[in-house]
Amino acid sequence: MVSELRRRIGRETRFLRRAVRHPSKFKRRLKRAVSPEVAFIERNHDPDRTLLLVGTGRSGTTWLAEVLTEALHSRLMLEPLRSKLVPMARPVRIGHYVDPADDPDPVVAAVLDRIMTGRIRGRAIDRYNAARFPRCRVVKEVRATNLLPWIVGRYPRTPVVYLLRHPVPTAWSVAKLGLPDNLDQFLGQESLMRGPLEPFGSLISQAADSDDRFHRRVLRWCLENFVPTHMLDPDHTHVIFYEHMIDDPWGELERLRSYLSGFGPGLWDLGSFSEASLGRPSHTNYHGTDVGSGPDRLETWVAEVPAASVEKALELVGAFGLRRIYSESTRPLVPPDAVLQGDRRAPTGR
C-alpha cells in the first residue's frame, strides 16, 4: 500500500516538473485532453448505431463524413483501418477481400467488431471528432471497399453508404499528391486475385507494371470498385455519387435521409446546419479546393488531364466493365440505384 502510494506520488511529481519546465507543451496536452478528441462519452455500442461510409481515397469521403457527423450529432471515426497509425488494424490489408459466402475470417472479424461497436479510440481515429455525447458513430474508411460484401452480411443492421467519384479526377488528384499506390497489397491477396478478379489477371499484371503513376492509380480505382459494384445488393447499400453531391447537395442529403429512416438515433434535422457547412473544405482538402464553387469544379480535370491519358484510363475502366458508370462525361452515366449488380460478377464491357 505504501509502495503504491509512493509510486503515484512519484508520477505526479514528475508530471508537475515537466509542466513547469515546458509550459507550452503542457498547455497543448491539457487542451487536447479536455477536447472532444479525447473527452467524449459513448453510451451505446450496438453496430446498428454505426453508419459506415466507404469510398476510394480522394473521392470526397471526409467531406461527406463531416457533413453527416454534424447533422447526426455523431462521433467521427476517421479511417480506423489505417494500420500505420492504428496497430490493431494491421491484419487488414488495403483493399482486403473476404469471401462473404464461406470465409468467416475471425482475425478480420475481431478488428471490425471493435470498429463497428466503437470500442476503439485513438489520436488518429478521433482527431476530428467534435461530439462529446454522440448519439451514434460515422465510420469513414477508404480501405474497405472490397470488404463491403462481407461487412453487409456480418452487420445487416448497419447502414452502409458507398461513395463513388469519376476515376480520372480521383486518380489524378492522388497522383499529384505523390502518395504510394500500394498495388502490392491487392496483388498479394490470393482470395481476391483468384476470386472475383481472376478473369482480369493478365490485364492487372500489365497495368501494374506501368511506370505511369496516374495509370497505376486508375488501376487501383478499378481494383477498389469492381468488387462492390458487382457483388453488393442494392437493397442494403446506399450509393452516392460525388458529382451528385456537388450538383444537388440538398437533394442528395434528402435521399440519404430517406435511406436512414430506420437508423437507431432517428432522423436528422436538415435545418441543423447551413449552406456554409456544405461549402466548408474538409480536413483532408490538401489541394485547397474551393468547395463552395459548386458544379464548375467538376469540369476542371477535363482541361488539366491530357487527352491521351484520359483515353488510356477509360480503356482500362472499360475492361473491368465499369465504363457503364463513368466515361468521357464529367457526370455518371447511370442513376445510383443502377450501380450495384448484386451477385453478377461478369464484366459488362464498354
Protein backbone atom coordinates (compact mmCIF):
# COMPACT_ATOMS: atom_id res chain seq x y z
CA MET A 1 0.00 0.00 0.00
CA VAL A 2 2.77 2.40 0.96
CA SER A 3 4.86 1.47 -2.09
CA GLU A 4 1.92 2.05 -4.44
CA LEU A 5 1.31 5.45 -2.86
CA ARG A 6 4.95 6.35 -3.32
CA ARG A 7 4.81 5.38 -7.00
CA ARG A 8 1.75 7.54 -7.56
CA ILE A 9 3.35 10.49 -5.78
CA GLY A 10 6.47 10.00 -7.90
CA ARG A 11 4.47 10.02 -11.14
CA GLU A 12 2.56 13.15 -10.17
CA THR A 13 5.78 14.88 -9.11
CA ARG A 14 7.47 14.10 -12.43
CA PHE A 15 4.41 15.31 -14.31
CA LEU A 16 4.40 18.63 -12.43
CA ARG A 17 8.12 19.12 -13.00
CA ARG A 18 7.69 18.63 -16.75
CA ALA A 19 4.76 21.06 -16.71
CA VAL A 20 6.91 23.73 -15.04
CA ARG A 21 9.84 23.17 -17.41
CA HIS A 22 7.73 23.06 -20.61
CA PRO A 23 4.56 25.12 -20.00
CA SER A 24 3.60 25.45 -23.70
CA LYS A 25 3.79 21.69 -24.23
CA PHE A 26 1.80 21.15 -21.05
CA LYS A 27 -0.92 23.54 -22.28
CA ARG A 28 -1.17 21.71 -25.63
CA ARG A 29 -1.51 18.36 -23.90
CA LEU A 30 -4.08 19.71 -21.47
CA LYS A 31 -6.07 21.33 -24.28
CA ARG A 32 -6.20 18.05 -26.18
CA ALA A 33 -7.06 16.06 -23.03
CA VAL A 34 -10.22 18.10 -22.47
CA SER A 35 -11.18 18.35 -26.17
CA PRO A 36 -13.84 16.13 -27.82
CA GLU A 37 -10.98 14.20 -29.44
CA VAL A 38 -10.45 12.56 -26.04
CA ALA A 39 -13.19 13.70 -23.66
CA PHE A 40 -16.33 12.13 -25.14
CA ILE A 41 -18.73 9.51 -23.83
CA GLU A 42 -20.42 6.81 -25.91
CA ARG A 43 -23.32 5.07 -24.25
CA ASN A 44 -24.41 2.68 -26.99
CA HIS A 45 -22.07 0.20 -28.65
CA ASP A 46 -24.53 -1.62 -30.88
CA PRO A 47 -23.39 -1.94 -34.53
CA ASP A 48 -26.75 -0.53 -35.63
CA ARG A 49 -25.64 2.79 -34.11
CA THR A 50 -22.82 2.92 -36.67
CA LEU A 51 -23.10 4.43 -40.14
CA LEU A 52 -20.33 3.12 -42.40
CA LEU A 53 -19.17 5.49 -45.16
CA VAL A 54 -16.80 3.88 -47.66
CA GLY A 55 -15.23 5.07 -50.89
CA THR A 56 -11.96 5.39 -52.76
CA GLY A 57 -9.42 7.88 -51.41
CA ARG A 58 -9.82 11.45 -52.75
CA SER A 59 -13.47 10.86 -53.60
CA GLY A 60 -14.95 13.25 -51.04
CA THR A 61 -15.43 10.77 -48.17
CA THR A 62 -14.01 13.07 -45.47
CA TRP A 63 -16.14 15.99 -46.64
CA LEU A 64 -19.33 13.90 -46.61
CA ALA A 65 -18.40 12.30 -43.29
CA GLU A 66 -18.01 15.71 -41.65
CA VAL A 67 -21.36 16.86 -43.04
CA LEU A 68 -23.04 13.71 -41.69
CA THR A 69 -21.45 13.89 -38.25
CA GLU A 70 -22.67 17.45 -37.87
CA ALA A 71 -26.18 16.56 -38.98
CA LEU A 72 -26.40 13.41 -36.85
CA HIS A 73 -24.53 14.76 -33.80
CA SER A 74 -22.32 11.71 -34.04
CA ARG A 75 -18.78 10.65 -33.31
CA LEU A 76 -16.49 10.73 -36.34
CA MET A 77 -14.16 7.72 -36.57
CA LEU A 78 -11.63 8.52 -39.27
CA GLU A 79 -10.06 5.61 -41.15
CA PRO A 80 -9.71 3.10 -38.30
CA LEU A 81 -8.13 0.62 -40.77
CA ARG A 82 -5.11 2.86 -41.34
CA SER A 83 -2.67 0.34 -39.93
CA LYS A 84 0.34 2.68 -39.81
CA LEU A 85 -1.47 4.74 -37.18
CA VAL A 86 -3.82 2.09 -35.74
CA PRO A 87 -1.81 -1.02 -34.76
CA MET A 88 -4.95 -3.05 -34.11
CA ALA A 89 -5.79 -2.85 -37.84
CA ARG A 90 -2.55 -4.45 -39.09
CA PRO A 91 -4.18 -7.78 -40.02
CA VAL A 92 -6.39 -5.94 -42.53
CA ARG A 93 -4.69 -5.02 -45.80
CA ILE A 94 -5.53 -2.15 -48.09
CA GLY A 95 -8.27 -3.45 -50.37
CA HIS A 96 -8.73 -6.51 -48.15
CA TYR A 97 -11.19 -9.05 -49.51
CA VAL A 98 -13.09 -11.73 -47.59
CA ASP A 99 -15.41 -14.08 -49.45
CA PRO A 100 -18.85 -13.35 -47.98
CA ALA A 101 -20.11 -16.82 -48.89
CA ASP A 102 -17.79 -19.14 -46.96
CA ASP A 103 -14.93 -17.26 -45.25
CA PRO A 104 -15.61 -16.17 -41.63
CA ASP A 105 -12.02 -14.85 -41.14
CA PRO A 106 -12.05 -14.49 -37.33
CA VAL A 107 -8.99 -12.19 -37.34
CA VAL A 108 -10.65 -9.60 -39.56
CA ALA A 109 -13.92 -10.11 -37.71
CA ALA A 110 -12.26 -9.25 -34.40
CA VAL A 111 -10.93 -5.98 -35.84
CA LEU A 112 -14.21 -4.99 -37.46
CA ASP A 113 -16.24 -5.88 -34.37
CA ARG A 114 -14.29 -3.36 -32.32
CA ILE A 115 -14.67 -0.71 -35.00
CA MET A 116 -18.38 -1.20 -35.63
CA THR A 117 -19.16 -1.12 -31.92
CA GLY A 118 -17.00 1.96 -31.34
CA ARG A 119 -14.80 0.13 -28.85
CA ILE A 120 -11.60 1.66 -30.10
CA ARG A 121 -10.18 5.11 -29.54
CA GLY A 122 -7.01 6.84 -30.57
CA ARG A 123 -5.36 10.06 -31.66
CA ALA A 124 -5.58 9.16 -35.37
CA ILE A 125 -9.15 7.87 -35.28
CA ASP A 126 -10.72 10.64 -33.20
CA ARG A 127 -8.66 13.66 -34.25
CA TYR A 128 -11.62 15.35 -35.97
CA ASN A 129 -14.34 14.28 -33.57
CA ALA A 130 -16.44 17.18 -32.24
CA ALA A 131 -19.23 15.42 -30.30
CA ARG A 132 -18.87 14.98 -26.54
CA PHE A 133 -22.04 12.90 -26.14
CA PRO A 134 -22.51 11.33 -29.60
CA ARG A 135 -25.82 9.69 -30.45
CA CYS A 136 -24.16 7.38 -32.97
CA ARG A 137 -20.98 6.86 -34.98
CA VAL A 138 -19.91 7.67 -38.53
CA VAL A 139 -17.04 5.43 -39.58
CA LYS A 140 -15.26 6.86 -42.61
CA GLU A 141 -12.95 4.44 -44.41
CA VAL A 142 -11.11 4.37 -47.78
CA ARG A 143 -9.52 0.93 -47.44
CA ALA A 144 -12.62 -1.23 -47.14
CA THR A 145 -14.45 -1.17 -50.49
CA ASN A 146 -13.60 -4.83 -51.14
CA LEU A 147 -14.74 -5.78 -47.64
CA LEU A 148 -18.21 -4.32 -48.17
CA PRO A 149 -19.96 -7.54 -49.35
CA TRP A 150 -18.64 -9.35 -46.25
CA ILE A 151 -19.42 -6.40 -43.92
CA VAL A 152 -23.01 -6.14 -45.15
CA GLY A 153 -23.51 -9.83 -44.39
CA ARG A 154 -21.94 -9.65 -40.93
CA TYR A 155 -23.65 -6.41 -39.83
CA PRO A 156 -27.02 -6.46 -41.59
CA ARG A 157 -28.48 -3.64 -39.45
CA THR A 158 -25.58 -1.25 -40.04
CA PRO A 159 -26.38 1.30 -42.76
CA VAL A 160 -23.71 1.45 -45.45
CA VAL A 161 -23.07 4.46 -47.71
CA TYR A 162 -20.87 3.80 -50.75
CA LEU A 163 -19.45 6.97 -52.33
CA LEU A 164 -18.24 6.98 -55.94
CA ARG A 165 -16.30 9.60 -57.89
CA HIS A 166 -15.13 9.62 -61.52
CA PRO A 167 -11.86 7.61 -61.78
CA VAL A 168 -9.96 10.22 -63.80
CA PRO A 169 -10.09 13.18 -61.37
CA THR A 170 -9.81 10.76 -58.43
CA ALA A 171 -6.61 9.15 -59.74
CA TRP A 172 -5.22 12.48 -60.95
CA SER A 173 -5.71 14.03 -57.52
CA VAL A 174 -3.84 11.21 -55.76
CA ALA A 175 -1.09 11.11 -58.36
CA LYS A 176 -0.42 14.83 -57.86
CA LEU A 177 -0.03 14.22 -54.13
CA GLY A 178 2.62 11.59 -54.86
CA LEU A 179 1.10 9.03 -52.49
CA PRO A 180 2.05 5.36 -52.96
CA ASP A 181 -0.48 3.22 -54.83
CA ASN A 182 0.06 0.11 -52.64
CA LEU A 183 -0.92 -2.17 -55.51
CA ASP A 184 1.14 -4.95 -53.95
CA GLN A 185 -1.44 -5.25 -51.18
CA PHE A 186 -4.10 -6.04 -53.77
CA LEU A 187 -1.98 -8.31 -55.94
CA GLY A 188 -0.73 -10.24 -52.90
CA GLN A 189 -4.21 -11.42 -51.90
CA GLU A 190 -4.90 -14.88 -53.27
CA SER A 191 -8.57 -14.73 -52.22
CA LEU A 192 -9.02 -11.56 -54.28
CA MET A 193 -6.86 -12.37 -57.30
CA ARG A 194 -8.13 -15.95 -57.62
CA GLY A 195 -11.61 -14.92 -56.64
CA PRO A 196 -13.63 -12.06 -58.18
CA LEU A 197 -10.63 -10.56 -60.01
CA GLU A 198 -9.36 -13.80 -61.57
CA PRO A 199 -10.74 -13.01 -65.08
CA PHE A 200 -8.57 -9.87 -65.17
CA GLY A 201 -5.24 -11.42 -64.14
CA SER A 202 -3.21 -10.58 -67.25
CA LEU A 203 -4.79 -7.13 -67.57
CA ILE A 204 -3.94 -6.31 -63.96
CA SER A 205 -0.34 -7.52 -64.31
CA GLN A 206 0.20 -5.42 -67.42
CA ALA A 207 -1.27 -2.26 -65.89
CA ALA A 208 0.58 -2.77 -62.61
CA ASP A 209 3.92 -2.87 -64.49
CA SER A 210 3.32 0.60 -65.90
CA ASP A 211 5.69 3.43 -64.95
CA ASP A 212 2.81 5.90 -65.29
CA ARG A 213 1.78 6.89 -61.75
CA PHE A 214 -1.61 8.13 -62.92
CA HIS A 215 -2.37 4.93 -64.86
CA ARG A 216 -1.46 2.79 -61.84
CA ARG A 217 -3.84 4.86 -59.76
CA VAL A 218 -6.64 4.27 -62.27
CA LEU A 219 -5.92 0.56 -61.91
CA ARG A 220 -6.27 0.85 -58.16
CA TRP A 221 -9.62 2.61 -58.62
CA CYS A 222 -10.78 -0.37 -60.67
CA LEU A 223 -9.48 -2.87 -58.10
CA GLU A 224 -11.32 -0.99 -55.36
CA ASN A 225 -14.64 -0.61 -57.13
CA PHE A 226 -15.14 -3.78 -59.19
CA VAL A 227 -16.00 -5.97 -56.19
CA PRO A 228 -18.60 -3.68 -54.54
CA THR A 229 -20.30 -2.71 -57.81
CA HIS A 230 -20.65 -6.34 -58.90
CA MET A 231 -21.32 -8.08 -55.59
CA LEU A 232 -23.30 -5.68 -53.40
CA ASP A 233 -27.07 -5.93 -53.16
CA PRO A 234 -28.67 -2.54 -53.93
CA ASP A 235 -31.30 -3.18 -51.25
CA HIS A 236 -28.71 -2.99 -48.45
CA THR A 237 -26.28 -0.29 -49.61
CA HIS A 238 -26.91 3.36 -50.41
CA VAL A 239 -24.91 4.68 -53.37
CA ILE A 240 -23.99 8.34 -53.61
CA PHE A 241 -22.11 9.96 -56.47
CA TYR A 242 -19.69 12.71 -55.51
CA GLU A 243 -20.80 14.58 -58.62
CA HIS A 244 -24.44 14.50 -57.49
CA MET A 245 -23.41 15.83 -54.09
CA ILE A 246 -21.80 18.80 -55.84
CA ASP A 247 -24.66 19.39 -58.27
CA ASP A 248 -27.52 18.95 -55.79
CA PRO A 249 -26.27 18.54 -52.20
CA TRP A 250 -29.63 19.15 -50.53
CA GLY A 251 -31.38 16.69 -52.82
CA GLU A 252 -28.76 14.02 -52.09
CA LEU A 253 -29.00 14.62 -48.35
CA GLU A 254 -32.77 14.27 -48.54
CA ARG A 255 -32.36 11.00 -50.44
CA LEU A 256 -29.87 9.80 -47.83
CA ARG A 257 -32.21 10.76 -45.02
CA SER A 258 -34.85 8.55 -46.57
CA TYR A 259 -32.40 5.62 -46.62
CA LEU A 260 -31.57 6.23 -42.95
CA SER A 261 -35.22 6.36 -41.87
CA GLY A 262 -34.70 3.33 -39.62
CA PHE A 263 -31.30 4.36 -38.28
CA GLY A 264 -31.09 4.00 -34.48
CA PRO A 265 -30.75 7.67 -33.45
CA GLY A 266 -33.63 8.74 -35.65
CA LEU A 267 -33.76 11.26 -38.47
CA TRP A 268 -31.58 14.31 -38.51
CA ASP A 269 -32.80 17.83 -38.97
CA LEU A 270 -31.59 19.22 -42.29
CA GLY A 271 -32.07 22.66 -40.82
CA SER A 272 -29.46 21.96 -38.17
CA PHE A 273 -26.65 23.04 -40.46
CA SER A 274 -26.28 25.72 -43.08
CA GLU A 275 -25.03 26.21 -46.62
CA ALA A 276 -21.70 27.13 -45.05
CA SER A 277 -21.43 23.61 -43.64
CA LEU A 278 -21.64 22.13 -47.13
CA GLY A 279 -19.17 24.65 -48.52
CA ARG A 280 -16.59 24.21 -45.78
CA PRO A 281 -13.45 22.36 -47.00
CA SER A 282 -12.75 19.06 -45.28
CA HIS A 283 -9.72 18.50 -43.07
CA THR A 284 -8.13 16.47 -45.87
CA ASN A 285 -8.66 19.02 -48.64
CA TYR A 286 -4.92 19.14 -49.38
CA HIS A 287 -5.33 20.96 -52.70
CA GLY A 288 -7.23 23.85 -51.13
CA THR A 289 -10.21 23.24 -53.42
CA ASP A 290 -12.94 25.86 -53.26
CA VAL A 291 -15.78 23.63 -52.10
CA GLY A 292 -18.23 26.46 -52.45
CA SER A 293 -17.50 26.82 -56.17
CA GLY A 294 -20.22 24.29 -56.96
CA PRO A 295 -20.63 22.28 -60.17
CA ASP A 296 -17.99 24.24 -62.10
CA ARG A 297 -15.18 22.47 -60.26
CA LEU A 298 -16.30 19.11 -61.64
CA GLU A 299 -15.10 20.27 -65.05
CA THR A 300 -11.54 21.26 -64.15
CA TRP A 301 -9.95 17.86 -64.85
CA VAL A 302 -11.09 17.95 -68.49
CA ALA A 303 -8.57 20.70 -69.26
CA GLU A 304 -5.97 19.54 -66.77
CA VAL A 305 -5.57 15.85 -67.62
CA PRO A 306 -4.00 15.13 -71.06
CA ALA A 307 -6.49 13.67 -73.53
CA ALA A 308 -4.28 10.66 -74.24
CA SER A 309 -4.13 9.85 -70.52
CA VAL A 310 -7.91 10.11 -70.24
CA GLU A 311 -8.40 7.77 -73.20
CA LYS A 312 -5.99 5.21 -71.78
CA ALA A 313 -7.61 5.44 -68.36
CA LEU A 314 -11.10 4.91 -69.72
CA GLU A 315 -9.94 1.91 -71.75
CA LEU A 316 -8.80 0.31 -68.51
CA VAL A 317 -12.03 1.24 -66.75
CA GLY A 318 -13.98 -0.26 -69.64
CA ALA A 319 -12.01 -3.50 -69.50
CA PHE A 320 -13.34 -4.01 -65.97
CA GLY A 321 -16.89 -3.34 -67.11
CA LEU A 322 -17.05 -0.08 -65.18
CA ARG A 323 -17.39 2.26 -68.14
CA ARG A 324 -21.13 1.79 -67.87
CA ILE A 325 -20.85 4.03 -64.78
CA TYR A 326 -18.22 6.58 -65.84
CA SER A 327 -16.84 7.52 -69.25
CA GLU A 328 -15.92 10.76 -71.05
CA SER A 329 -18.69 12.72 -69.35
CA THR A 330 -17.86 14.52 -66.11
CA ARG A 331 -21.06 13.08 -64.63
CA PRO A 332 -22.04 9.44 -64.03
CA LEU A 333 -23.91 7.69 -66.82
CA VAL A 334 -26.34 5.74 -64.63
CA PRO A 335 -28.54 6.60 -61.65
CA PRO A 336 -27.34 5.50 -58.20
CA ASP A 337 -29.80 2.61 -58.00
CA ALA A 338 -28.31 1.07 -61.18
CA VAL A 339 -24.71 0.90 -59.89
CA LEU A 340 -24.84 -2.27 -57.80
CA GLN A 341 -25.38 -5.54 -59.62
CA GLY A 342 -25.84 -7.98 -56.80
CA ASP A 343 -24.03 -11.25 -57.41
CA ARG A 344 -23.44 -10.76 -61.14
CA ARG A 345 -19.66 -10.80 -61.35
CA ALA A 346 -19.10 -10.95 -65.10
CA PRO A 347 -17.89 -7.68 -66.69
CA THR A 348 -20.42 -5.91 -68.84
CA GLY A 349 -17.90 -4.32 -71.22
CA ARG A 350 -17.84 -0.76 -72.52
